[in-house]
């Protein structure tokens, strides 16, 4: 059941030890405890209550503390995080079959897909757009709380595995979406391997090529722009399996399984096997980098990674100040005045986004650098300007001394469809 990431135990003490034995270690995703965050308990990572707040909707939260200690329970109440108590599960189990969290194990991949399709069919009357995406997200999160994540099929894993080291020894440009792209000679990337993210497609009317690979992972962003993404072609699309049913299917679509990091070192923080798992991050680029490693790319060059984020006064804010920026976590733009990206429409009028965790982004880049170094791979920052100084710099224009050699794009598609 570990694959379903069902339970987060709040409280990493003696009662937590009892609870992990009661539920079974395979059924527990991690612990949450402010005083022990960052440590391990029974080999499982402990996150903070603040981190729990960001992800609790996708898990069953169980309070595992003594009956006389209600401090953690009060924190959960204050943060409006729903939970049950370990002792309640004990009582239920004594009454009869334990059918709360353990029901995750009773449904196969196909059965979960069938049940989810039946449930989501109730959204058929809602037109595409923000309203549909919001309703879909709430419904999916509720489904996961009851059934666990759907996961990947054998075919999903096999198709992804066929991509392993396909591009061994090659170089790739992973594209951030900062304003510096407007000062970057993007035409030079026409015959390069490229990995784009989010709303990079707003540049499509200005370039005569399409990125080799594409991904988008932020749930608030995806549910806002999924219809635009579904209209894209000409790339290989990597999507979190969470979004199956929202994104289109196709021979050019591959699904991966995203998981919360299990530690602060390389192990359990950076995936060297993206066909099995891709670990979460504070920037979409960490997902792209993990996938690029699995595809075999020897050198990675980042462009458009500017940092220096600003939240305009015109942006509507809601939620807590999670990152201590005096900015609410959930943001909605009221004008086309986005200063953080190459196009003011990027997170323009009506667009949904999150407060940027710039400190977390820098930590993610440090993790990626150290992870790639440990495997003998290279990663450089070829951004024109910007504030990201984790990596060694490379001048973008100097990387193109000779005409790029064109590669056969059909080769990519044949590999993932298994035609070869």
Protein backbone atom coordinates (compact mmCIF):
# COMPACT_ATOMS: atom_id res chain seq x y z
CA UNK A 1 0.00 0.00 0.00
CA UNK A 2 2.99 2.36 0.21
CA UNK A 3 2.29 3.17 -3.42
CA UNK A 4 -1.03 4.80 -2.50
CA UNK A 5 0.51 7.23 0.04
CA UNK A 6 -2.55 6.87 2.23
CA UNK A 7 -1.74 7.97 5.80
CA UNK A 8 0.18 10.80 7.41
CA UNK A 9 0.65 10.25 11.15
CA UNK A 10 0.73 13.48 13.15
CA UNK A 11 2.99 12.92 16.15
CA UNK A 12 6.31 11.12 15.92
CA UNK A 13 6.56 9.64 19.42
CA UNK A 14 5.72 6.40 21.18
CA UNK A 15 2.08 6.53 20.12
CA UNK A 16 3.23 7.16 16.57
CA UNK A 17 5.31 3.99 16.81
CA UNK A 18 2.23 2.11 17.96
CA UNK A 19 0.21 3.58 15.11
CA UNK A 20 2.72 2.63 12.42
CA UNK A 21 2.65 -0.94 13.67
CA UNK A 22 -1.15 -0.89 13.78
CA UNK A 23 -1.64 0.45 10.26
CA UNK A 24 1.41 -1.29 8.84
CA UNK A 25 4.52 0.53 7.65
CA UNK A 26 3.48 -0.03 4.01
CA UNK A 27 0.35 2.03 4.64
CA UNK A 28 2.03 5.10 6.13
CA UNK A 29 3.42 7.85 3.93
CA UNK A 30 5.26 9.95 6.53
CA UNK A 31 5.01 11.60 9.95
CA UNK A 32 4.24 15.25 10.75
CA UNK A 33 5.68 16.85 13.88
CA UNK A 34 7.03 20.40 14.23
CA UNK A 35 9.62 19.54 16.87
CA UNK A 36 11.14 16.69 14.85
CA UNK A 37 10.70 17.97 11.28
CA UNK A 38 13.54 16.93 9.01
CA UNK A 39 14.41 13.83 11.04
CA UNK A 40 13.47 10.20 10.50
CA UNK A 41 11.16 8.06 12.65
CA UNK A 42 11.08 4.33 11.96
CA UNK A 43 12.91 5.13 8.74
CA UNK A 44 10.17 7.54 7.62
CA UNK A 45 10.64 11.26 7.00
CA UNK A 46 9.02 13.75 9.38
CA UNK A 47 7.53 16.89 7.84
CA UNK A 48 6.41 20.03 9.63
CA UNK A 49 2.79 20.96 10.28
CA UNK A 50 3.20 23.83 7.79
CA UNK A 51 4.26 21.31 5.14
CA UNK A 52 1.32 19.12 6.11
CA UNK A 53 -1.04 22.03 5.47
CA UNK A 54 0.06 22.18 1.84
CA UNK A 55 -0.58 18.50 1.07
CA UNK A 56 -3.11 17.21 3.61
CA UNK A 57 -6.01 17.11 1.14
CA UNK A 58 -4.41 14.19 -0.69
CA UNK A 59 -3.88 12.02 2.38
CA UNK A 60 -5.67 10.57 5.38
CA UNK A 61 -4.40 12.50 8.41
CA UNK A 62 -4.32 10.49 11.63
CA UNK A 63 -3.42 12.08 14.98
CA UNK A 64 -1.03 9.71 16.76
CA UNK A 65 -0.49 11.24 20.22
CA UNK A 66 -1.59 10.31 23.73
CA UNK A 67 -5.14 11.10 24.79
CA UNK A 68 -3.86 13.60 27.36
CA UNK A 69 -1.87 15.64 24.81
CA UNK A 70 -4.07 17.84 22.65
CA UNK A 71 -1.47 20.39 21.46
CA UNK A 72 -1.08 18.95 17.96
CA UNK A 73 -4.82 18.46 17.69
CA UNK A 74 -5.34 22.16 18.43
CA UNK A 75 -2.83 23.07 15.71
CA UNK A 76 -4.72 20.94 13.20
CA UNK A 77 -8.01 22.49 14.30
CA UNK A 78 -6.61 26.01 13.96
CA UNK A 79 -5.37 25.21 10.44
CA UNK A 80 -8.69 23.52 9.57
CA UNK A 81 -6.95 20.26 8.68
CA UNK A 82 -9.45 17.38 9.03
CA UNK A 83 -8.14 14.35 10.89
CA UNK A 84 -9.10 11.25 12.81
CA UNK A 85 -7.44 9.89 15.95
CA UNK A 86 -5.39 6.72 16.10
CA UNK A 87 -7.53 5.50 19.01
CA UNK A 88 -10.67 5.90 16.91
CA UNK A 89 -9.23 3.52 14.33
CA UNK A 90 -8.36 1.08 17.10
CA UNK A 91 -11.96 1.14 18.31
CA UNK A 92 -13.30 0.67 14.77
CA UNK A 93 -11.00 -2.28 14.24
CA UNK A 94 -12.16 -3.94 17.44
CA UNK A 95 -15.77 -3.65 16.27
CA UNK A 96 -15.21 -5.38 12.95
CA UNK A 97 -13.32 -5.31 9.64
CA UNK A 98 -11.08 -2.29 9.27
CA UNK A 99 -12.51 -0.62 6.18
CA UNK A 100 -11.39 2.97 6.41
CA UNK A 101 -7.87 3.52 5.09
CA UNK A 102 -7.18 -0.10 4.22
CA UNK A 103 -9.81 -0.01 1.49
CA UNK A 104 -7.04 1.51 -0.64
CA UNK A 105 -5.64 -1.98 -1.12
CA UNK A 106 -8.90 -3.53 -2.29
CA UNK A 107 -9.16 -1.85 -5.68
CA UNK A 108 -6.95 -2.60 -8.65
CA UNK A 109 -5.71 0.07 -11.03
CA UNK A 110 -8.49 -0.76 -13.51
CA UNK A 111 -11.16 -0.69 -10.81
CA UNK A 112 -9.98 2.69 -9.55
CA UNK A 113 -9.99 4.06 -13.11
CA UNK A 114 -13.54 2.79 -13.67
CA UNK A 115 -14.79 4.21 -10.39
CA UNK A 116 -13.11 7.57 -11.00
CA UNK A 117 -14.52 7.82 -14.52
CA UNK A 118 -17.99 7.13 -13.19
CA UNK A 119 -17.61 9.80 -10.48
CA UNK A 120 -16.06 12.42 -12.76
CA UNK A 121 -18.77 11.91 -15.39
CA UNK A 122 -20.96 14.02 -13.12
CA UNK A 123 -18.98 17.06 -14.27
CA UNK A 124 -20.07 16.63 -17.88
CA UNK A 125 -22.47 19.57 -17.74
CA UNK A 126 -19.82 22.08 -16.66
CA UNK A 127 -18.09 23.88 -19.56
CA UNK A 128 -14.30 23.80 -19.85
CA UNK A 129 -12.45 26.44 -17.90
CA UNK A 130 -11.64 27.54 -14.36
CA UNK A 131 -14.97 26.38 -12.90
CA UNK A 132 -14.61 22.88 -14.34
CA UNK A 133 -10.97 22.64 -13.25
CA UNK A 134 -11.82 23.72 -9.71
CA UNK A 135 -14.68 21.23 -9.41
CA UNK A 136 -12.53 18.47 -10.93
CA UNK A 137 -9.73 19.15 -8.44
CA UNK A 138 -12.04 19.01 -5.42
CA UNK A 139 -13.61 15.80 -6.66
CA UNK A 140 -10.23 14.18 -7.33
CA UNK A 141 -8.85 15.11 -3.92
CA UNK A 142 -11.92 13.64 -2.23
CA UNK A 143 -11.53 10.46 -4.29
CA UNK A 144 -7.88 10.15 -3.20
CA UNK A 145 -8.81 10.59 0.45
CA UNK A 146 -11.18 7.65 0.15
CA UNK A 147 -9.42 5.39 -2.33
CA UNK A 148 -5.80 6.46 -2.49
CA UNK A 149 -4.06 7.60 -5.65
CA UNK A 150 -4.85 5.69 -8.82
CA UNK A 151 -1.20 5.17 -9.70
CA UNK A 152 0.36 3.97 -12.93
CA UNK A 153 -0.60 1.01 -15.07
CA UNK A 154 1.94 -1.55 -16.25
CA UNK A 155 1.69 0.01 -19.72
CA UNK A 156 2.38 3.49 -18.29
CA UNK A 157 5.56 2.25 -16.64
CA UNK A 158 6.69 0.27 -19.69
CA UNK A 159 6.24 3.22 -22.08
CA UNK A 160 8.22 5.45 -19.73
CA UNK A 161 10.96 2.83 -19.29
CA UNK A 162 11.41 2.70 -23.07
CA UNK A 163 12.67 6.30 -22.84
CA UNK A 164 15.47 5.52 -20.38
CA UNK A 165 18.85 6.74 -21.66
CA UNK A 166 17.36 7.28 -25.12
CA UNK A 167 19.37 10.53 -25.33
CA UNK A 168 22.54 9.36 -23.63
CA UNK A 169 25.42 11.77 -24.20
CA UNK A 170 23.23 14.53 -25.66
CA UNK A 171 22.63 18.02 -24.31
CA UNK A 172 19.29 19.63 -23.51
CA UNK A 173 18.05 23.15 -22.79
CA UNK A 174 15.50 23.31 -19.97
CA UNK A 175 13.52 26.52 -20.29
CA UNK A 176 12.31 28.65 -17.42
CA UNK A 177 9.82 31.37 -18.28
CA UNK A 178 11.49 34.50 -16.96
CA UNK A 179 11.58 37.89 -18.75
CA UNK A 180 15.12 37.14 -19.94
CA UNK A 181 13.66 34.92 -22.66
CA UNK A 182 12.85 38.16 -24.47
CA UNK A 183 16.60 38.84 -24.61
CA UNK A 184 17.54 35.29 -25.61
CA UNK A 185 18.10 34.24 -29.23
CA UNK A 186 15.56 31.44 -29.07
CA UNK A 187 15.85 30.75 -32.81
CA UNK A 188 19.15 29.03 -32.02
CA UNK A 189 17.23 26.28 -30.23
CA UNK A 190 15.41 25.08 -33.36
CA UNK A 191 17.48 21.92 -33.71
CA UNK A 192 18.27 21.42 -30.03
CA UNK A 193 16.57 19.18 -27.50
CA UNK A 194 14.42 21.43 -25.33
CA UNK A 195 12.16 21.02 -22.31
CA UNK A 196 9.45 23.65 -21.76
CA UNK A 197 6.94 24.16 -18.97
CA UNK A 198 3.70 25.90 -18.05
CA UNK A 199 2.69 28.72 -20.44
CA UNK A 200 5.81 28.74 -22.60
CA UNK A 201 3.42 28.19 -25.50
CA UNK A 202 2.58 31.90 -25.40
CA UNK A 203 5.80 32.25 -27.40
CA UNK A 204 4.71 29.87 -30.14
CA UNK A 205 3.70 32.66 -32.50
CA UNK A 206 7.25 34.05 -32.25
CA UNK A 207 9.30 30.86 -32.81
CA UNK A 208 9.35 28.34 -35.66
CA UNK A 209 10.02 25.28 -33.50
CA UNK A 210 8.27 23.40 -30.71
CA UNK A 211 9.91 22.08 -27.54
CA UNK A 212 10.88 18.42 -27.58
CA UNK A 213 9.38 17.88 -24.13
CA UNK A 214 6.79 19.67 -22.00
CA UNK A 215 5.35 19.44 -18.49
CA UNK A 216 3.11 21.35 -16.07
CA UNK A 217 2.62 20.16 -12.48
CA UNK A 218 1.18 22.87 -10.19
CA UNK A 219 -2.41 21.86 -9.42
CA UNK A 220 -3.70 25.43 -9.17
CA UNK A 221 -2.08 26.29 -12.48
CA UNK A 222 -3.01 23.06 -14.29
CA UNK A 223 -6.69 23.24 -13.40
CA UNK A 224 -6.72 26.80 -14.72
CA UNK A 225 -4.97 26.23 -18.09
CA UNK A 226 -5.50 22.51 -18.81
CA UNK A 227 -7.70 23.25 -21.84
CA UNK A 228 -4.91 25.32 -23.43
CA UNK A 229 -2.40 22.54 -22.75
CA UNK A 230 -4.70 19.93 -24.30
CA UNK A 231 -4.58 21.90 -27.54
CA UNK A 232 -0.78 21.66 -27.81
CA UNK A 233 0.97 19.30 -30.22
CA UNK A 234 4.48 18.71 -31.50
CA UNK A 235 6.08 17.74 -28.18
CA UNK A 236 6.29 14.76 -25.84
CA UNK A 237 4.18 15.57 -22.79
CA UNK A 238 5.05 14.38 -19.28
CA UNK A 239 2.13 14.63 -16.85
CA UNK A 240 1.61 13.70 -13.21
CA UNK A 241 -0.77 10.74 -13.09
CA UNK A 242 -2.90 12.78 -10.67
CA UNK A 243 -4.20 14.68 -13.74
CA UNK A 244 -5.28 11.61 -15.70
CA UNK A 245 -8.73 12.43 -17.05
CA UNK A 246 -8.09 16.17 -17.08
CA UNK A 247 -5.28 16.05 -19.63
CA UNK A 248 -5.82 14.36 -22.97
CA UNK A 249 -4.44 10.91 -23.74
CA UNK A 250 -2.24 10.14 -26.75
CA UNK A 251 0.89 8.47 -28.06
CA UNK A 252 2.74 11.68 -27.20
CA UNK A 253 1.66 11.62 -23.52
CA UNK A 254 3.58 9.88 -20.73
CA UNK A 255 2.51 9.76 -17.09
CA UNK A 256 4.77 9.80 -14.05
CA UNK A 257 4.08 9.26 -10.36
CA UNK A 258 4.84 12.25 -8.13
CA UNK A 259 5.74 11.74 -4.47
CA UNK A 260 6.63 13.94 -1.53
CA UNK A 261 10.31 13.99 -0.72
CA UNK A 262 11.39 11.63 2.02
CA UNK A 263 14.53 13.38 3.18
CA UNK A 264 16.85 16.33 2.74
CA UNK A 265 19.80 14.44 1.30
CA UNK A 266 20.06 13.10 -2.22
CA UNK A 267 18.37 9.84 -1.29
CA UNK A 268 14.63 10.31 -1.36
CA UNK A 269 14.83 13.88 -2.65
CA UNK A 270 15.98 13.58 -6.26
CA UNK A 271 14.77 10.70 -8.41
CA UNK A 272 17.25 8.89 -10.61
CA UNK A 273 14.42 6.67 -11.87
CA UNK A 274 11.62 8.91 -13.14
CA UNK A 275 9.73 5.89 -14.52
CA UNK A 276 9.16 4.86 -10.91
CA UNK A 277 8.79 8.20 -9.11
CA UNK A 278 9.45 11.92 -9.53
CA UNK A 279 9.88 13.85 -6.28
CA UNK A 280 8.09 17.11 -5.69
CA UNK A 281 9.75 20.51 -5.71
CA UNK A 282 9.22 24.25 -5.35
CA UNK A 283 9.72 24.85 -9.06
CA UNK A 284 8.51 22.91 -12.06
CA UNK A 285 12.10 22.84 -13.32
CA UNK A 286 13.06 20.24 -10.70
CA UNK A 287 10.60 17.84 -12.32
CA UNK A 288 12.03 18.54 -15.77
CA UNK A 289 15.59 18.01 -14.50
CA UNK A 290 14.75 14.65 -12.91
CA UNK A 291 13.09 13.49 -16.13
CA UNK A 292 15.97 14.79 -18.27
CA UNK A 293 18.39 12.76 -16.16
CA UNK A 294 16.35 9.61 -16.75
CA UNK A 295 16.28 10.29 -20.49
CA UNK A 296 20.08 10.19 -20.43
CA UNK A 297 21.04 13.78 -21.16
CA UNK A 298 24.68 14.38 -20.27
CA UNK A 299 24.62 18.19 -20.18
CA UNK A 300 21.72 20.37 -19.06
CA UNK A 301 21.60 24.10 -19.76
CA UNK A 302 19.02 26.26 -18.01
CA UNK A 303 17.67 29.42 -19.63
CA UNK A 304 14.95 31.83 -18.55
CA UNK A 305 15.66 31.18 -14.85
CA UNK A 306 15.54 34.77 -13.58
CA UNK A 307 14.21 34.60 -9.99
CA UNK A 308 13.60 38.00 -8.33
CA UNK A 309 9.84 37.42 -8.12
CA UNK A 310 7.44 40.26 -7.37
CA UNK A 311 3.72 40.13 -6.58
CA UNK A 312 1.95 43.17 -8.06
CA UNK A 313 -0.50 45.09 -5.89
CA UNK A 314 -3.20 44.28 -8.44
CA UNK A 315 -3.05 40.57 -7.58
CA UNK A 316 -5.80 39.27 -5.30
CA UNK A 317 -4.43 37.25 -2.39
CA UNK A 318 -5.99 34.64 -0.14
CA UNK A 319 -4.73 32.00 2.27
CA UNK A 320 -1.88 32.11 4.76
CA UNK A 321 1.53 33.71 4.34
CA UNK A 322 3.16 30.28 4.00
CA UNK A 323 6.58 31.56 2.87
CA UNK A 324 6.84 34.60 5.20
CA UNK A 325 6.67 37.03 2.27
CA UNK A 326 3.66 39.04 3.49
CA UNK A 327 1.84 37.41 0.57
CA UNK A 328 -1.13 35.04 0.70
CA UNK A 329 -0.51 31.56 -0.67
CA UNK A 330 -3.30 31.55 -3.31
CA UNK A 331 -3.09 34.31 -5.91
CA UNK A 332 -5.34 35.51 -8.72
CA UNK A 333 -4.28 38.22 -11.14
CA UNK A 334 -6.69 41.02 -12.03
CA UNK A 335 -4.64 42.55 -14.87
CA UNK A 336 -2.22 41.52 -17.61
CA UNK A 337 0.72 42.94 -15.67
CA UNK A 338 2.84 39.90 -14.78
CA UNK A 339 6.42 41.20 -14.24
CA UNK A 340 7.92 37.78 -13.51
CA UNK A 341 7.63 36.14 -16.92
CA UNK A 342 8.34 36.81 -20.58
CA UNK A 343 4.76 37.88 -21.28
CA UNK A 344 2.54 40.06 -19.05
CA UNK A 345 -0.32 37.69 -19.89
CA UNK A 346 1.54 34.69 -18.43
CA UNK A 347 -0.14 35.03 -15.03
CA UNK A 348 -2.34 37.80 -16.38
CA UNK A 349 -5.96 38.76 -15.84
CA UNK A 350 -7.97 35.97 -14.22
CA UNK A 351 -5.02 33.56 -13.94
CA UNK A 352 -4.49 31.47 -10.82
CA UNK A 353 -1.07 30.92 -9.27
CA UNK A 354 0.75 30.44 -5.98
CA UNK A 355 3.04 32.66 -3.98
CA UNK A 356 6.57 31.92 -5.23
CA UNK A 357 8.85 30.21 -2.70
CA UNK A 358 12.12 31.66 -3.97
CA UNK A 359 14.17 30.31 -1.06
CA UNK A 360 12.76 26.84 -1.71
CA UNK A 361 13.54 27.19 -5.42
CA UNK A 362 17.19 27.95 -4.69
CA UNK A 363 17.38 24.95 -2.36
CA UNK A 364 15.87 22.80 -5.11
CA UNK A 365 18.49 23.97 -7.59
CA UNK A 366 21.25 23.16 -5.09
CA UNK A 367 19.76 19.68 -4.71
CA UNK A 368 19.65 19.18 -8.48
CA UNK A 369 23.25 20.34 -8.88
CA UNK A 370 24.56 17.97 -6.19
CA UNK A 371 22.43 15.07 -7.45
CA UNK A 372 23.64 15.38 -11.03
CA UNK A 373 27.24 15.82 -9.91
CA UNK A 374 27.01 12.58 -7.92
CA UNK A 375 26.25 10.77 -11.18
CA UNK A 376 28.85 12.56 -13.29
CA UNK A 377 26.31 14.73 -15.14
CA UNK A 378 26.64 18.47 -15.76
CA UNK A 379 24.19 21.33 -15.39
CA UNK A 380 24.85 25.00 -16.17
CA UNK A 381 22.94 28.27 -16.07
CA UNK A 382 22.86 29.90 -19.51
CA UNK A 383 20.20 32.45 -18.55
CA UNK A 384 20.76 35.96 -19.88
CA UNK A 385 21.13 37.80 -16.58
CA UNK A 386 18.85 36.85 -13.73
CA UNK A 387 19.57 36.14 -10.06
CA UNK A 388 20.10 32.36 -10.02
CA UNK A 389 23.74 31.80 -9.02
CA UNK A 390 23.67 28.15 -7.88
CA UNK A 391 25.22 26.84 -11.09
CA UNK A 392 28.26 27.80 -13.09
CA UNK A 393 27.34 30.30 -15.78
CA UNK A 394 27.62 29.70 -19.50
CA UNK A 395 27.12 32.40 -22.10
CA UNK A 396 24.11 31.30 -24.17
CA UNK A 397 25.41 32.55 -27.52
CA UNK A 398 28.80 30.87 -27.01
CA UNK A 399 27.10 27.47 -27.02
CA UNK A 400 26.38 27.74 -30.75
CA UNK A 401 29.68 27.99 -32.58
CA UNK A 402 28.45 25.89 -35.47
CA UNK A 403 25.14 25.15 -37.10
CA UNK A 404 23.05 22.80 -35.02
CA UNK A 405 22.58 19.33 -36.45
CA UNK A 406 18.94 18.56 -37.00
CA UNK A 407 17.57 15.48 -35.25
CA UNK A 408 14.67 13.33 -36.40
CA UNK A 409 11.66 14.19 -34.27
CA UNK A 410 9.77 11.06 -35.36
CA UNK A 411 12.37 8.96 -33.55
CA UNK A 412 11.04 10.25 -30.22
CA UNK A 413 7.47 9.30 -31.02
CA UNK A 414 8.38 5.83 -32.27
CA UNK A 415 10.20 5.04 -29.06
CA UNK A 416 7.32 5.86 -26.74
CA UNK A 417 4.76 4.05 -28.85
CA UNK A 418 6.93 0.93 -28.98
CA UNK A 419 7.07 0.81 -32.78
CA UNK A 420 10.78 -0.04 -32.71
